[in-house]
Structure formats: structure tokens, C-alpha cells
Protein backbone atom coordinates (compact mmCIF):
# COMPACT_ATOMS: atom_id res chain seq x y z
CA MET A 1 -3.06 -12.04 21.88
CA SER A 2 -2.22 -8.48 22.72
CA LYS A 3 -4.88 -6.50 24.51
CA GLU A 4 -3.73 -3.25 22.90
CA SER A 5 -6.74 -1.61 21.26
CA VAL A 6 -6.76 -0.52 17.64
CA LEU A 7 -7.23 3.09 18.73
CA ASN A 8 -4.05 2.89 20.87
CA ILE A 9 -2.24 1.61 17.79
CA LEU A 10 -3.40 4.50 15.69
CA GLN A 11 -2.54 6.96 18.55
CA THR A 12 1.07 5.65 18.97
CA LYS A 13 2.07 4.60 15.41
CA SER A 14 3.00 6.90 12.66
CA VAL A 15 2.41 4.61 9.61
CA VAL A 16 -0.16 1.82 9.35
CA ILE A 17 0.14 -0.20 6.11
CA LEU A 18 -2.80 -2.28 5.00
CA THR A 19 -1.93 -5.11 2.71
CA GLY A 20 -3.22 -8.49 1.52
CA PRO A 21 -4.84 -10.21 -1.49
CA GLY A 22 -6.87 -8.39 -4.13
CA GLY A 23 -10.64 -8.22 -3.77
CA VAL A 24 -10.95 -8.31 0.08
CA GLY A 25 -11.78 -4.67 0.64
CA LYS A 26 -8.34 -3.21 1.63
CA THR A 27 -9.14 0.19 0.28
CA SER A 28 -12.54 0.42 2.03
CA CYS A 29 -10.88 -0.72 5.28
CA ALA A 30 -8.03 1.83 4.80
CA ALA A 31 -10.53 4.65 4.17
CA SER A 32 -12.70 3.63 7.14
CA ILE A 33 -9.66 3.39 9.58
CA ALA A 34 -8.49 6.81 8.35
CA ILE A 35 -11.95 8.29 8.99
CA GLY A 36 -12.08 6.64 12.40
CA ALA A 37 -8.70 8.05 13.26
CA ALA A 38 -9.73 11.54 12.18
CA LEU A 39 -12.93 11.27 14.21
CA SER A 40 -10.89 10.23 17.14
CA GLY A 41 -8.78 13.48 16.95
CA ILE A 42 -5.79 12.19 14.95
CA ASN A 43 -4.61 14.26 11.99
CA THR A 44 -4.54 11.64 9.40
CA ALA A 45 -3.63 11.03 5.73
CA VAL A 46 -4.67 8.09 3.74
CA VAL A 47 -2.69 7.36 0.61
CA THR A 48 -3.17 4.72 -1.99
CA ILE A 49 -0.50 3.30 -4.16
CA ASP A 50 -2.78 1.01 -6.05
CA PRO A 51 -3.39 2.52 -9.39
CA ALA A 52 -7.14 1.65 -9.38
CA LYS A 53 -9.06 4.71 -8.35
CA ARG A 54 -11.00 2.90 -5.58
CA LEU A 55 -9.97 5.27 -2.77
CA ALA A 56 -11.56 8.28 -4.48
CA ASN A 57 -14.82 6.30 -5.00
CA ALA A 58 -14.81 5.03 -1.46
CA LEU A 59 -14.49 8.62 -0.13
CA GLY A 60 -16.99 10.03 -2.59
CA LEU A 61 -14.62 12.16 -4.43
CA GLU A 62 -14.30 12.51 -8.26
CA THR A 63 -10.55 12.41 -8.16
CA ILE A 64 -7.49 12.32 -5.87
CA GLY A 65 -4.05 13.56 -6.86
CA ASN A 66 -0.45 13.42 -5.83
CA ASP A 67 -0.95 16.32 -3.30
CA PRO A 68 -3.07 15.80 -0.20
CA VAL A 69 -6.72 16.76 -0.59
CA GLU A 70 -8.52 17.63 2.55
CA ILE A 71 -11.89 15.93 3.19
CA PRO A 72 -14.17 18.04 5.35
CA MET A 73 -15.17 15.89 8.45
CA GLY A 74 -16.03 18.41 11.11
CA SER A 75 -14.02 16.26 13.40
CA ALA A 76 -11.36 16.79 16.04
CA GLY A 77 -8.73 15.55 13.67
CA SER A 78 -8.28 16.36 10.04
CA LEU A 79 -8.39 14.01 7.13
CA HIS A 80 -6.46 14.20 3.81
CA ALA A 81 -6.38 11.73 0.85
CA VAL A 82 -3.54 11.13 -1.73
CA MET A 83 -3.15 8.90 -4.65
CA LEU A 84 0.34 8.27 -5.83
CA ASP A 85 1.54 9.94 -9.07
CA ALA A 86 4.83 8.21 -9.57
CA ASP A 87 5.93 10.58 -12.43
CA ALA A 88 5.31 13.74 -10.16
CA THR A 89 7.08 12.08 -7.18
CA PHE A 90 10.08 11.18 -9.36
CA ASP A 91 10.20 14.84 -10.72
CA ALA A 92 10.19 16.18 -7.13
CA LEU A 93 13.14 13.91 -6.24
CA ILE A 94 15.17 15.05 -9.20
CA ARG A 95 14.66 18.71 -8.05
CA LYS A 96 15.61 17.77 -4.57
CA TYR A 97 18.95 16.21 -5.45
CA ALA A 98 20.06 17.92 -8.52
CA LYS A 99 23.00 20.27 -8.27
CA SER A 100 21.57 22.98 -10.50
CA GLU A 101 18.45 24.11 -12.34
CA GLU A 102 20.34 23.23 -15.61
CA GLN A 103 20.68 19.61 -14.37
CA VAL A 104 16.96 19.46 -13.55
CA GLU A 105 15.92 20.68 -16.90
CA ALA A 106 18.34 18.32 -18.72
CA ILE A 107 17.04 15.35 -16.96
CA LEU A 108 13.39 16.15 -17.07
CA ALA A 109 13.67 16.73 -20.94
CA ASN A 110 15.45 13.48 -21.46
CA LYS A 111 13.23 10.69 -23.08
CA VAL A 112 14.82 7.87 -21.26
CA TYR A 113 13.99 9.57 -17.99
CA GLN A 114 10.44 10.26 -19.21
CA ASN A 115 9.97 6.63 -19.69
CA LEU A 116 11.56 5.36 -16.61
CA THR A 117 8.33 5.16 -14.38
CA GLN A 118 6.53 3.16 -17.06
CA TYR A 119 9.18 0.65 -17.97
CA LEU A 120 12.06 0.33 -15.31
CA SER A 121 11.27 -2.41 -12.91
CA GLY A 122 10.99 -1.15 -9.27
CA ILE A 123 10.73 2.63 -9.91
CA GLN A 124 6.89 2.71 -9.40
CA GLU A 125 7.24 0.87 -6.12
CA TYR A 126 10.23 3.08 -4.96
CA MET A 127 8.31 6.10 -5.76
CA ALA A 128 5.50 4.87 -3.50
CA MET A 129 7.91 4.51 -0.65
CA GLU A 130 9.29 8.01 -1.36
CA LYS A 131 5.78 9.40 -1.18
CA ILE A 132 5.08 7.64 2.10
CA PHE A 133 8.30 9.01 3.53
CA GLU A 134 7.41 12.50 2.37
CA LEU A 135 3.88 12.21 4.02
CA HIS A 136 5.39 10.77 7.08
CA ASN A 137 7.49 13.86 7.50
CA ASP A 138 4.72 16.33 6.73
CA PRO A 139 4.02 18.18 9.92
CA ARG A 140 0.20 18.26 9.10
CA PHE A 141 -0.03 14.61 9.79
CA ASP A 142 0.25 12.55 12.85
CA LEU A 143 -0.72 9.26 11.12
CA LEU A 144 -0.47 7.86 7.73
CA ILE A 145 -2.74 4.99 6.44
CA VAL A 146 -1.34 3.21 3.33
CA ASP A 147 -3.55 1.32 1.04
CA THR A 148 -1.22 -1.01 -1.05
CA PRO A 149 -1.63 -3.13 -4.23
CA PRO A 150 -2.78 -6.64 -4.02
CA SER A 151 -0.17 -8.88 -2.30
CA ALA A 152 1.23 -10.10 -5.54
CA ASN A 153 2.86 -6.65 -5.89
CA ALA A 154 3.08 -5.53 -2.43
CA LEU A 155 6.31 -7.28 -1.67
CA ASP A 156 7.87 -5.49 -4.59
CA PHE A 157 6.68 -2.26 -2.93
CA LEU A 158 8.08 -3.27 0.42
CA ASP A 159 11.35 -4.42 -0.98
CA ALA A 160 11.72 -1.34 -3.28
CA PRO A 161 14.30 0.53 -0.94
CA ARG A 162 16.63 -2.38 -0.70
CA ARG A 163 16.56 -3.08 -4.44
CA LEU A 164 17.27 0.65 -5.28
CA VAL A 165 20.33 0.63 -3.00
CA SER A 166 21.48 -2.68 -4.58
CA PHE A 167 21.03 -1.19 -8.03
CA LEU A 168 23.01 2.01 -7.17
CA ASP A 169 25.76 -0.21 -5.68
CA ASN A 170 25.90 -2.52 -8.72
CA LYS A 171 29.29 -2.65 -10.26
CA VAL A 172 28.06 -1.87 -13.72
CA PHE A 173 26.12 1.21 -12.48
CA ARG A 174 29.13 2.39 -10.64
CA ILE A 175 31.34 2.04 -13.63
CA ILE A 176 28.95 4.00 -15.85
CA MET A 177 28.68 6.71 -13.16
CA SER A 178 32.39 6.87 -12.52
CA PRO A 179 34.16 10.07 -13.69
CA SER A 180 35.11 9.92 -17.33
CA SER A 181 38.83 10.22 -16.64
CA SER A 182 39.09 7.11 -14.69
CA PHE A 183 37.22 4.69 -16.87
CA LEU A 184 36.45 5.84 -20.44
CA LYS A 185 40.06 5.49 -21.77
CA PRO A 186 40.71 1.84 -20.71
CA ILE A 187 37.33 0.66 -22.14
CA SER A 188 36.61 3.26 -24.77
CA PHE A 189 37.02 0.84 -27.65
CA ALA A 190 34.84 -1.89 -26.10
CA THR A 191 32.36 0.65 -25.02
CA ARG A 192 32.20 2.04 -28.50
CA ALA A 193 31.72 -1.40 -29.89
CA VAL A 194 28.93 -2.22 -27.46
CA LEU A 195 27.10 1.10 -28.08
CA LYS A 196 27.41 0.58 -31.84
CA THR A 197 25.91 -2.95 -31.55
CA ILE A 198 22.96 -1.65 -29.36
CA SER A 199 22.42 1.30 -31.69
CA LYS A 200 21.73 -1.08 -34.57
CA VAL A 201 19.07 -2.86 -32.42
CA VAL A 202 17.34 0.15 -30.71
CA GLY A 203 18.55 3.06 -32.71
CA ALA A 204 21.31 5.60 -32.11
CA GLU A 205 18.97 8.14 -30.76
CA ILE A 206 17.85 6.05 -27.74
CA VAL A 207 21.50 5.12 -27.08
CA ASP A 208 22.40 8.82 -27.22
CA GLU A 209 19.55 9.66 -24.86
CA ALA A 210 20.53 6.85 -22.30
CA VAL A 211 24.20 8.09 -22.33
CA ALA A 212 23.07 11.61 -21.85
CA PHE A 213 20.74 10.56 -18.95
CA PHE A 214 23.54 8.83 -17.12
CA LYS A 215 25.77 11.77 -17.60
CA ASP A 216 23.16 14.17 -16.30
CA PHE A 217 22.40 11.95 -13.40
CA GLU A 218 25.97 12.17 -12.14
CA GLY A 219 26.36 13.39 -8.66
CA MET A 220 22.78 12.54 -7.55
CA GLU A 221 23.07 8.87 -6.77
CA ASP A 222 24.30 9.53 -3.27
CA GLY A 223 21.15 11.35 -2.39
CA PHE A 224 18.87 8.61 -3.92
CA ARG A 225 20.83 5.93 -1.82
CA ALA A 226 20.70 7.85 1.39
CA ARG A 227 16.91 8.44 1.01
CA ALA A 228 16.32 4.76 0.10
CA SER A 229 18.07 3.69 3.29
CA GLU A 230 15.92 6.22 5.33
CA VAL A 231 12.80 4.72 3.84
CA GLY A 232 13.92 1.22 4.52
CA ASP A 233 14.66 2.22 8.10
CA LEU A 234 11.07 3.72 8.52
CA LEU A 235 9.57 0.44 7.25
CA LYS A 236 11.32 -1.49 9.91
CA SER A 237 10.97 1.06 12.74
CA GLU A 238 8.59 0.86 15.64
CA LYS A 239 6.63 3.75 14.03
CA THR A 240 5.36 1.44 11.35
CA THR A 241 2.94 -1.44 11.65
CA PHE A 242 0.98 -3.74 9.46
CA PHE A 243 -2.61 -4.64 9.14
CA LEU A 244 -3.24 -7.72 7.01
CA VAL A 245 -6.63 -7.71 5.30
CA THR A 246 -8.23 -10.98 4.32
CA SER A 247 -11.68 -12.52 3.76
CA PRO A 248 -12.97 -16.01 4.75
CA ARG A 249 -12.81 -17.81 1.57
CA THR A 250 -10.54 -20.82 1.10
CA ASN A 251 -8.31 -19.46 -1.67
CA THR A 252 -8.07 -16.03 -0.14
CA ILE A 253 -6.95 -17.53 3.17
CA ILE A 254 -4.31 -19.59 1.40
CA ASP A 255 -2.96 -16.43 -0.38
CA THR A 256 -3.09 -14.51 2.80
CA LYS A 257 -1.27 -17.05 4.76
CA ASP A 258 1.47 -17.18 2.13
CA PHE A 259 1.80 -13.49 2.01
CA GLY A 260 1.83 -13.29 5.84
CA GLU A 261 4.60 -15.71 6.01
CA LYS A 262 6.73 -13.67 3.64
CA LEU A 263 6.01 -10.54 5.71
CA LEU A 264 7.40 -12.26 8.79
CA LYS A 265 10.36 -13.58 6.78
CA TYR A 266 11.12 -9.91 5.83
CA GLY A 267 11.09 -9.02 9.44
CA PHE A 268 7.84 -7.21 9.63
CA SER A 269 5.12 -7.92 12.39
CA ILE A 270 1.51 -8.00 11.92
CA ALA A 271 -0.49 -5.94 14.22
CA ARG A 272 -3.80 -6.90 13.26
CA ILE A 273 -5.60 -9.36 10.71
CA ILE A 274 -8.84 -7.98 9.44
CA SER A 275 -11.22 -10.72 8.34
CA ASN A 276 -13.57 -8.76 6.14
CA ARG A 277 -16.90 -9.65 4.52
CA GLU A 278 -17.63 -12.51 6.90
CA VAL A 279 -20.93 -14.29 7.02
CA PRO A 280 -22.79 -12.31 9.68
CA PRO A 281 -24.40 -13.94 12.73
CA PHE A 282 -28.13 -14.52 12.47
CA ILE A 283 -30.09 -13.92 15.69
CA GLY A 284 -33.74 -13.69 16.28
CA ASP A 285 -35.40 -10.32 16.31
CA ASP A 286 -38.81 -9.54 17.75
CA HIS A 287 -39.83 -7.62 14.69
CA ASN A 288 -39.59 -10.73 12.61
CA SER A 289 -42.04 -12.73 14.82
CA GLY A 290 -45.05 -11.61 12.88
CA VAL A 291 -43.54 -12.85 9.47
CA LEU A 292 -42.78 -16.16 10.94
CA ASP A 293 -46.26 -16.50 12.10
CA ASP A 294 -47.48 -16.19 8.65
CA LEU A 295 -45.25 -19.01 7.27
CA VAL A 296 -46.51 -22.64 6.89
CA PRO A 297 -44.47 -25.39 8.63
CA SER A 298 -42.80 -26.51 5.34
CA ASP A 299 -41.46 -23.02 4.86
CA LEU A 300 -40.15 -22.88 8.35
CA ASP A 301 -38.38 -26.21 7.83
CA ILE A 302 -36.65 -24.81 4.80
CA LEU A 303 -35.65 -21.73 6.63
CA SER A 304 -34.37 -23.65 9.54
CA GLU A 305 -32.20 -25.88 7.19
CA ASN A 306 -30.77 -22.86 5.52
CA LEU A 307 -29.91 -21.22 8.81
CA THR A 308 -28.30 -24.49 10.00
CA LYS A 309 -26.12 -24.46 6.77
CA ILE A 310 -25.18 -20.77 7.13
CA GLU A 311 -24.23 -21.30 10.76
CA LEU A 312 -22.08 -24.28 9.80
CA LEU A 313 -20.43 -22.17 6.98
CA ARG A 314 -19.75 -19.34 9.46
CA SER A 315 -18.34 -21.77 11.92
CA VAL A 316 -15.86 -23.24 9.44
CA GLU A 317 -14.76 -19.78 8.29
CA GLN A 318 -14.17 -18.59 11.70
CA LYS A 319 -12.00 -21.68 12.47
CA ASP A 320 -9.94 -21.15 9.22
CA ILE A 321 -9.32 -17.61 9.95
CA ASP A 322 -8.54 -18.20 13.59
CA ASP A 323 -6.05 -20.93 12.68
CA MET A 324 -4.38 -18.60 10.11
CA ALA A 325 -4.06 -15.67 12.59
CA LEU A 326 -2.51 -18.05 15.16
CA GLY A 327 0.00 -19.32 12.63
CA LEU A 328 0.94 -15.85 11.53
CA LYS A 329 1.41 -14.62 15.27
CA ALA A 330 -0.83 -11.74 14.66
CA ASP A 331 -1.30 -9.54 17.66
CA GLY A 332 -5.06 -9.41 17.11
CA LEU A 333 -7.85 -10.51 14.78
CA ILE A 334 -10.73 -8.39 13.84
CA HIS A 335 -13.98 -9.89 12.49
CA VAL A 336 -15.94 -7.77 10.05
CA ALA A 337 -19.43 -8.99 8.85
CA ASP A 338 -20.56 -8.43 5.40
CA ASN A 339 -23.45 -5.82 5.69
CA GLY A 340 -24.72 -6.91 2.29
CA ASN A 341 -25.26 -3.33 1.18
CA GLY A 342 -21.81 -2.22 0.33
CA LEU A 343 -20.10 0.92 1.43
CA SER A 344 -21.52 3.88 -0.57
CA SER A 345 -20.75 6.95 1.70
CA ILE A 346 -18.50 8.27 4.29
CA GLU A 347 -21.18 7.49 6.86
CA ASP A 348 -21.06 3.82 5.95
CA LEU A 349 -17.27 3.96 6.27
CA ALA A 350 -17.44 5.64 9.61
CA HIS A 351 -19.78 2.92 10.76
CA LEU A 352 -17.27 0.27 9.63
CA ALA A 353 -14.47 2.33 11.35
CA SER A 354 -16.31 2.10 14.69
CA SER A 355 -16.46 -1.72 14.58
CA ILE A 356 -12.72 -1.95 13.59
CA ILE A 357 -11.37 0.60 16.01
CA SER A 358 -13.40 -0.51 18.96
CA SER A 359 -11.76 -3.96 18.57
CA ASN A 360 -9.09 -5.25 20.90
């Protein structure tokens, strides 16, 4: 496996994406790595595209919004946090690519547009990629740490740029967006018949709003297509790398292996696998000797038996994780023990960061 340190990865990459199954501590790992990077002198932003508000909780904040919020660290590098607001990001894109203020106002007031981020498949994921691209190009930040949704949704997020380009290139969409002089006359009768049928089902008002939306959107699709291609290129570039977060539980390992294989199939490489919440090693401490002296032999036998079982469990877990990392061709594997107390402060996250970033 590569001897490149995690710190060197953070110093040389622009985007580090943490992904993996739900419930493995991705958000805590993302927050801790961001803190560690800032403490190491790297100007860092950490963004979550998971709608759950775990990042704010992990960083001790009441709320995080779509605009970067600075977290005072007193460190050589700065730290900002962001939580995706798909609606606000979409609004910003409309303003960026619209030809006039009138076009902006017409689209933002359209009821179809107002419901797109909630109901149109893929829009939420694409807005996440747009936000990442925006932050990546923000001169305040040298590094972007990304906390993704659970792996069941993460592939939709990673595939969003390609699917948006495919949608914009779809023949039906291109016909709808074509200048009226070239297509309305030949199919006007059929179009009216279809719209009339749809109107009976969903209501004429909704159909009118949809037609108005596509009309107002005219001329903007090239900008969306170009940006989607740029975002896709960023994902595949050498500036971006992936950390796959897991935990040593049988079902989680199976899910992680399946997702990791899909990542590889998409052409992404895995810089690190973080095996989080492992059974910690148990070693003798001098301060425990007095306690042991007070135990009767039968109690010592029970403790010894429990320790043997725990060591066996730890051994099995480590082997399963090692085998998975080998199969996924990860550049490195980081073992993180469960401290049993949770992560309730920035100090706790900084301590976790030190164990992750010091790994090879």
C-alpha cells in the first residue's frame, strides 16, 4: 500500500469526498479531518450534502447554511462549514445563466420551478455537485472536505453531472427547447392534443406553468450543460480523491465492499478506507493492578474469558476489514477505535483527527 501520508493527501488535493454506508460516522470523520487540516495550516471548508443536520451538531453549532460559516479555531489555517441548500443553489444558477433580470424573475416565480428541487429526480444531487464546484473555486479555500449521504444515495450524487447532460441532450427536451418556428407548426395539432389530455389529468394551470417554464428556460441549457461537464471533470481529476468510511460489522462490510466496487467501476480511486468504531485493543495498565488485587479468582476467570472473546472478535473484525481493503485496492487503511464516549466537542474531533491524519 502507498506510504503517502494522509496529511500529504490533504496538502496536495483540492477535494476529499467521504462516502460509505449510513451509521458509520462519516460526518464525524469529515468534521474531524477538516479540523485536522485547518490545524495543519490548510484553509479548509467542510460541506455536508446529507439533509440530516449532523455536521452542525458535530461542530457544536446551532445551524449551518448554504453560505460558508467560519468556525473560530485559532489555528494556522481557517475552517468554514456549509450545509447544502438545493433551492438557494439552484436560484444562484438561474441568476448566473439567465439572459436578463426579467428571465430570472419569470423562472423564480414559476410554480413548476419552485417544486423542481423537491420532485424532479436528480436535481438535489446535481445542486450538491454545483455547490462543491462553487466552493472548490472559492479563493478562500485550499481544501474542500465533502460529507455525502449514505451510499444508497451517494452514487446518484456522483452520477448527477452525467445524468444532467444526458437529460439536456435528450431528443424530447431538445424538441421542446427548439425555436418555435422550427417545430410548433409540424406538431402543433399533436401537441395541442397531448396538452389537452394532460390538462384533464393534472389541471390546465399546471400545464400552462410547465409550458411557461420551458419557454423561460430557453437559452440557458448551454450554460447548465457546460457546468455539468466541468463538475464531472472535477470529480475525475487528480485534484479529487475519495475516503471510504466503514465500520467492522458484517453487514456494513458487505455494503461497503459493494459500494467500493461500484466506485471503482465508475473510475474513481479510493485513497483511504477508514474503519471506524473498531473494538479497541485492551492492554494492561499499572493503575488497574490495585483493582485486580481485590478480585477473587472466580472474578478473574470471568474477566479473562471476556478478554479472550473480545480479542477474538477484534481479530476477526480486523481480518474482514483488511480483506475488504485489499479487494478494493485502497491506497491505505486507517483503523479508528471506538472510544466509547462519543464525540461531543471540537476537542474530541481534533483528537480523532490526530489519529487519522498521522496515519500512513
